N, C-alpha and C. Protein backbone atom coordinates (compact mmCIF):
# COMPACT_ATOMS: atom_id res chain seq x y z
N MET A 1 0.72 -1.27 -0.04
CA MET A 1 0.09 -0.06 -0.25
C MET A 1 1.07 1.30 0.01
N ASN A 2 0.64 2.07 -0.58
CA ASN A 2 1.15 3.69 -1.23
C ASN A 2 1.13 4.22 -0.05
N MET A 3 1.72 5.54 0.53
CA MET A 3 1.21 6.44 1.61
C MET A 3 0.35 7.14 1.04
N LYS A 4 0.21 7.43 -0.43
CA LYS A 4 -1.11 8.17 -1.04
C LYS A 4 -2.25 7.80 -1.24
N ASP A 5 -2.03 6.46 -0.98
CA ASP A 5 -3.39 5.48 -0.70
C ASP A 5 -4.42 5.73 0.37
N ILE A 6 -3.35 6.04 1.39
CA ILE A 6 -3.78 6.19 2.82
C ILE A 6 -4.62 7.59 2.89
N PRO A 7 -6.25 7.30 3.40
CA PRO A 7 -6.92 8.75 3.57
C PRO A 7 -6.34 9.65 4.66
N PRO A 8 -6.39 10.97 4.59
CA PRO A 8 -5.84 11.74 5.30
C PRO A 8 -6.08 11.97 6.84
N TYR A 9 -7.22 10.95 7.18
CA TYR A 9 -8.00 10.69 8.45
C TYR A 9 -7.34 9.76 8.99
N GLN A 10 -6.92 8.93 8.52
CA GLN A 10 -6.31 7.89 9.09
C GLN A 10 -4.61 8.19 9.96
N ASP A 11 -4.93 7.31 11.03
CA ASP A 11 -3.70 7.66 11.88
C ASP A 11 -2.92 7.11 11.19
N ARG A 12 -1.49 7.58 11.18
CA ARG A 12 -0.50 6.74 10.37
C ARG A 12 1.02 6.72 11.40
N ARG A 13 0.83 6.89 12.57
CA ARG A 13 1.72 6.18 13.41
C ARG A 13 1.83 4.84 13.75
N LEU A 14 3.08 4.89 13.85
CA LEU A 14 3.54 3.27 14.26
C LEU A 14 3.42 3.07 15.64
N ASP A 15 3.67 3.86 16.61
CA ASP A 15 3.71 3.89 17.93
C ASP A 15 2.06 3.68 18.27
N ARG A 16 2.08 2.94 19.77
CA ARG A 16 0.76 3.09 20.15
C ARG A 16 0.72 3.91 20.98
N ARG A 17 -0.22 4.79 21.19
CA ARG A 17 -0.89 5.69 22.24
C ARG A 17 -1.58 5.20 22.89
N LEU A 18 -1.45 5.91 24.24
CA LEU A 18 -2.35 5.67 25.57
C LEU A 18 -3.16 6.98 25.75
N PRO A 19 -4.22 6.86 25.79
CA PRO A 19 -5.13 8.04 26.36
C PRO A 19 -5.05 8.27 28.01
N LEU A 20 -4.93 9.83 27.97
CA LEU A 20 -4.32 9.88 29.39
C LEU A 20 -5.69 11.27 29.85
N GLY A 21 -5.36 12.38 29.70
CA GLY A 21 -6.28 13.69 30.01
C GLY A 21 -5.55 13.87 30.99
N CYS A 22 -4.47 14.09 31.24
CA CYS A 22 -3.58 14.42 32.84
C CYS A 22 -3.46 16.05 32.42
N PRO A 23 -3.31 17.00 33.80
CA PRO A 23 -3.07 18.38 33.52
C PRO A 23 -1.66 18.40 32.97
N ALA A 24 -0.90 19.37 32.16
CA ALA A 24 0.27 19.57 31.87
C ALA A 24 0.13 20.88 31.44
N PHE A 25 1.77 21.72 31.36
CA PHE A 25 1.76 22.77 30.56
C PHE A 25 2.68 22.80 29.90
N ILE A 26 3.11 24.19 29.27
CA ILE A 26 3.69 24.51 28.16
C ILE A 26 4.92 25.76 28.47
N ALA A 27 6.30 25.22 29.10
CA ALA A 27 6.94 26.40 29.32
C ALA A 27 7.59 26.99 28.57
N LEU A 28 7.21 28.51 28.08
CA LEU A 28 7.56 29.34 27.24
C LEU A 28 8.96 29.78 27.29
N ARG A 29 9.72 30.24 26.56
CA ARG A 29 11.08 30.77 26.64
C ARG A 29 11.07 31.91 27.37
N ASN A 30 9.86 32.71 27.50
CA ASN A 30 10.06 33.93 28.23
C ASN A 30 9.77 33.59 29.75
N GLY A 31 9.62 32.62 30.16
CA GLY A 31 9.11 32.20 31.79
C GLY A 31 7.67 31.76 31.78
N GLU A 32 6.94 32.31 30.51
CA GLU A 32 5.25 32.25 31.21
C GLU A 32 5.19 30.58 30.92
N ARG A 33 3.83 30.20 31.73
CA ARG A 33 3.59 28.58 31.08
C ARG A 33 1.92 28.87 30.67
N VAL A 34 2.07 28.05 29.92
CA VAL A 34 0.52 27.64 29.06
C VAL A 34 -0.07 26.38 29.89
N ASP A 35 -1.16 26.42 30.47
CA ASP A 35 -2.03 25.02 31.01
C ASP A 35 -2.39 24.73 29.78
N ALA A 36 -2.05 23.29 29.87
CA ALA A 36 -2.61 22.15 28.92
C ALA A 36 -3.12 20.73 29.26
N VAL A 37 -3.23 20.04 28.46
CA VAL A 37 -4.09 18.92 28.98
C VAL A 37 -3.16 17.91 27.83
N CYS A 38 -2.59 16.76 28.68
CA CYS A 38 -1.70 15.75 28.00
C CYS A 38 -2.97 15.00 27.72
N VAL A 39 -3.49 14.98 26.02
CA VAL A 39 -4.47 13.99 26.33
C VAL A 39 -4.41 12.70 25.68
N GLU A 40 -2.91 12.37 25.03
CA GLU A 40 -2.54 11.09 25.09
C GLU A 40 -1.03 10.92 24.86
N ILE A 41 -0.20 9.97 25.05
CA ILE A 41 1.24 10.17 25.37
C ILE A 41 1.53 8.35 24.82
N GLY A 42 2.93 8.64 24.11
CA GLY A 42 3.33 7.32 23.70
C GLY A 42 4.82 6.91 23.65
N VAL A 43 5.50 6.05 23.44
CA VAL A 43 6.75 5.99 23.25
C VAL A 43 7.42 7.26 22.34
N GLY A 44 6.95 7.41 21.28
CA GLY A 44 7.34 8.41 20.29
C GLY A 44 7.13 9.96 20.25
N GLY A 45 5.97 10.09 21.12
CA GLY A 45 5.10 11.56 21.09
C GLY A 45 3.91 11.41 21.78
N MET A 46 3.47 13.00 21.77
CA MET A 46 2.23 13.01 22.75
C MET A 46 1.28 14.03 21.93
N THR A 47 0.31 14.02 22.13
CA THR A 47 -0.81 14.64 21.89
C THR A 47 -1.37 15.83 22.87
N LEU A 48 -1.07 17.15 22.71
CA LEU A 48 -1.83 18.28 24.03
C LEU A 48 -2.84 19.00 23.65
N HIS A 49 -3.94 19.81 24.24
CA HIS A 49 -4.55 20.97 24.12
C HIS A 49 -4.27 21.54 24.88
N ALA A 50 -4.02 22.96 24.20
CA ALA A 50 -3.84 23.81 24.78
C ALA A 50 -4.08 25.55 24.00
N ALA A 51 -4.17 26.41 24.82
CA ALA A 51 -4.42 27.84 24.04
C ALA A 51 -3.26 28.20 23.95
N TYR A 52 -2.43 27.80 22.77
CA TYR A 52 -0.98 28.12 22.43
C TYR A 52 -0.89 27.61 21.05
N VAL A 53 -0.36 28.43 20.22
CA VAL A 53 -0.31 28.09 18.80
C VAL A 53 1.53 28.25 18.56
N PRO A 54 2.14 27.07 18.69
CA PRO A 54 3.45 26.91 18.25
C PRO A 54 3.82 26.62 16.64
N GLY A 55 4.93 26.88 16.46
CA GLY A 55 5.29 26.78 14.90
C GLY A 55 5.66 25.46 14.55
N ARG A 56 6.03 25.06 13.47
CA ARG A 56 6.03 24.01 12.69
C ARG A 56 7.41 23.26 13.04
N ASN A 57 7.81 22.27 13.67
CA ASN A 57 9.01 21.95 13.96
C ASN A 57 9.62 22.74 15.67
N GLU A 58 8.84 23.41 16.06
CA GLU A 58 9.15 24.55 16.98
C GLU A 58 9.38 23.01 18.30
N VAL A 59 10.68 23.40 18.71
CA VAL A 59 10.90 22.40 20.27
C VAL A 59 10.15 23.19 20.88
N ILE A 60 9.41 22.25 21.99
CA ILE A 60 8.89 23.18 23.06
C ILE A 60 9.00 22.42 24.50
N ASP A 61 9.55 22.93 25.57
CA ASP A 61 9.17 22.26 26.98
C ASP A 61 8.00 21.86 27.49
N VAL A 62 7.67 20.98 28.13
CA VAL A 62 6.31 19.98 28.25
C VAL A 62 6.30 19.55 29.62
N ALA A 63 5.67 19.72 30.59
CA ALA A 63 5.60 18.96 31.90
C ALA A 63 4.32 18.61 31.71
N VAL A 64 4.24 17.06 32.18
CA VAL A 64 2.98 16.41 31.96
C VAL A 64 2.85 15.84 33.85
N LEU A 65 1.86 16.29 34.57
CA LEU A 65 1.52 15.72 35.95
C LEU A 65 1.03 14.58 35.75
N GLY A 66 0.96 14.33 36.84
CA GLY A 66 0.03 13.01 37.42
C GLY A 66 -1.27 13.20 36.85
N PRO A 67 -2.16 12.09 37.26
CA PRO A 67 -3.61 12.12 36.97
C PRO A 67 -4.07 12.84 38.23
N GLN A 68 -5.01 13.70 38.14
CA GLN A 68 -5.52 14.19 39.04
C GLN A 68 -6.48 12.99 40.29
N GLY A 69 -6.16 13.21 41.38
CA GLY A 69 -6.40 12.01 42.49
C GLY A 69 -5.88 10.79 42.53
N SER A 70 -4.48 10.75 42.07
CA SER A 70 -3.69 10.04 41.88
C SER A 70 -3.22 9.14 43.01
N PRO A 71 -2.93 7.96 43.58
CA PRO A 71 -2.48 7.76 44.73
C PRO A 71 -1.27 7.60 45.21
N THR A 72 -0.42 8.15 44.13
CA THR A 72 1.14 8.76 44.40
C THR A 72 1.11 10.64 44.34
N PRO A 73 0.61 11.65 44.60
CA PRO A 73 0.30 12.58 44.33
C PRO A 73 1.87 13.35 44.45
N ASP A 74 2.84 12.73 45.39
CA ASP A 74 4.46 13.32 45.16
C ASP A 74 5.08 13.33 44.00
N ARG A 75 4.47 12.34 43.12
CA ARG A 75 5.57 11.96 41.79
C ARG A 75 5.64 13.13 40.98
N PRO A 76 7.03 12.99 40.71
CA PRO A 76 7.50 14.41 39.71
C PRO A 76 6.77 14.38 38.27
N PRO A 77 6.73 15.36 38.00
CA PRO A 77 6.25 15.43 36.58
C PRO A 77 7.33 14.91 35.56
N LEU A 78 6.41 14.43 34.54
CA LEU A 78 7.19 13.70 32.93
C LEU A 78 7.71 15.18 32.15
N ILE A 79 8.83 15.39 32.66
CA ILE A 79 9.21 17.03 31.72
C ILE A 79 10.14 16.62 30.45
N THR A 80 9.54 16.88 29.31
CA THR A 80 10.12 16.65 28.12
C THR A 80 10.36 18.01 26.97
N LYS A 81 11.11 17.86 25.87
CA LYS A 81 11.23 18.98 24.99
C LYS A 81 10.50 17.69 23.73
N LEU A 82 9.65 18.51 23.41
CA LEU A 82 8.55 18.33 22.12
C LEU A 82 8.65 18.79 20.72
N GLU A 83 9.18 18.07 19.69
CA GLU A 83 9.06 18.55 18.82
C GLU A 83 7.50 18.79 18.10
N VAL A 84 7.10 19.75 17.81
CA VAL A 84 6.11 19.93 17.12
C VAL A 84 5.63 19.47 15.79
N ILE A 85 4.56 18.46 15.48
CA ILE A 85 4.41 18.07 14.02
C ILE A 85 3.16 18.53 13.49
N ARG A 86 2.44 18.55 14.30
CA ARG A 86 1.12 19.62 13.54
C ARG A 86 0.46 20.21 14.99
N CYS A 87 -0.54 21.37 14.33
CA CYS A 87 -1.35 22.08 15.13
C CYS A 87 -2.54 22.12 14.49
N ASN A 88 -3.75 21.92 15.37
CA ASN A 88 -4.82 21.77 14.58
C ASN A 88 -6.13 22.66 15.59
N ALA A 89 -6.70 23.89 14.94
CA ALA A 89 -7.75 24.36 15.86
C ALA A 89 -8.83 23.53 16.50
N LEU A 90 -9.08 23.84 17.66
CA LEU A 90 -10.36 22.86 17.92
C LEU A 90 -11.54 23.77 17.88
N GLY A 91 -11.67 25.09 17.38
CA GLY A 91 -12.54 26.00 17.62
C GLY A 91 -12.79 26.14 18.56
N ASP A 92 -12.67 26.31 19.61
CA ASP A 92 -12.83 26.95 21.21
C ASP A 92 -11.78 27.67 22.07
N GLY A 93 -10.43 28.21 21.05
CA GLY A 93 -9.87 28.70 21.67
C GLY A 93 -8.52 28.29 21.83
N ARG A 94 -8.80 26.78 21.82
CA ARG A 94 -7.43 25.88 22.35
C ARG A 94 -7.06 25.29 20.78
N TYR A 95 -5.78 24.61 20.75
CA TYR A 95 -5.24 23.80 20.03
C TYR A 95 -4.88 22.60 20.18
N GLU A 96 -5.21 21.51 19.06
CA GLU A 96 -4.48 20.14 19.46
C GLU A 96 -2.80 20.11 19.04
N ILE A 97 -2.09 20.22 19.50
CA ILE A 97 -0.48 19.75 18.99
C ILE A 97 -0.22 18.59 19.37
N GLY A 98 0.34 17.96 18.13
CA GLY A 98 1.18 16.76 18.12
C GLY A 98 2.39 17.03 17.82
N GLY A 99 3.09 15.96 18.41
CA GLY A 99 4.57 16.08 18.57
C GLY A 99 5.02 14.99 18.79
N ARG A 100 6.42 15.22 18.53
CA ARG A 100 7.27 14.04 18.68
C ARG A 100 8.55 14.26 19.96
N ILE A 101 8.54 13.59 20.85
CA ILE A 101 9.45 13.70 21.89
C ILE A 101 10.81 13.35 21.50
N VAL A 102 11.45 14.90 21.42
CA VAL A 102 12.75 14.78 21.56
C VAL A 102 14.05 14.43 22.53
N ARG A 103 13.35 14.56 23.73
CA ARG A 103 14.27 13.77 25.20
C ARG A 103 13.29 13.97 26.01
N VAL A 104 13.89 13.33 26.59
CA VAL A 104 12.97 13.52 28.55
C VAL A 104 13.62 13.97 29.22
N VAL A 105 13.57 15.00 29.99
CA VAL A 105 14.39 15.72 30.65
C VAL A 105 14.56 15.25 32.23
N ASP A 106 13.20 14.74 32.42
CA ASP A 106 13.29 14.41 34.05
C ASP A 106 11.94 13.57 33.96
C-alpha cells in the first residue's frame, strides 16, 4: 500500500498511544507557562490541548503532571522536549498540538 492511498484522516503513527487526560503545561522561553492537557502519550510522542499556537518543528518544553486523584501525588512530573509536528484548531480558542518526543528531561 502506498502512503498516497491512505486517507488523510487515518492514523499513520507506528507507536501505540495511550489516552491520558492529565494536566500539563508548556514552559515558554520568556518564562510564561501555558496550561494544557496531555490527551495521549506514547513512546514516540504526545498530543496536547492548549491555548497556544506553536510553529511547525518548534521544540517546546512540556511538563505532564500525574492524574488528578493519583494515589502517588508526590510523583514528579514528566518533563520533555517536544518537537511540534502538527497543530489544529479545536474551535474554542484551544489547539491540538501533536509532536515527537525529542528528549525526556526528567
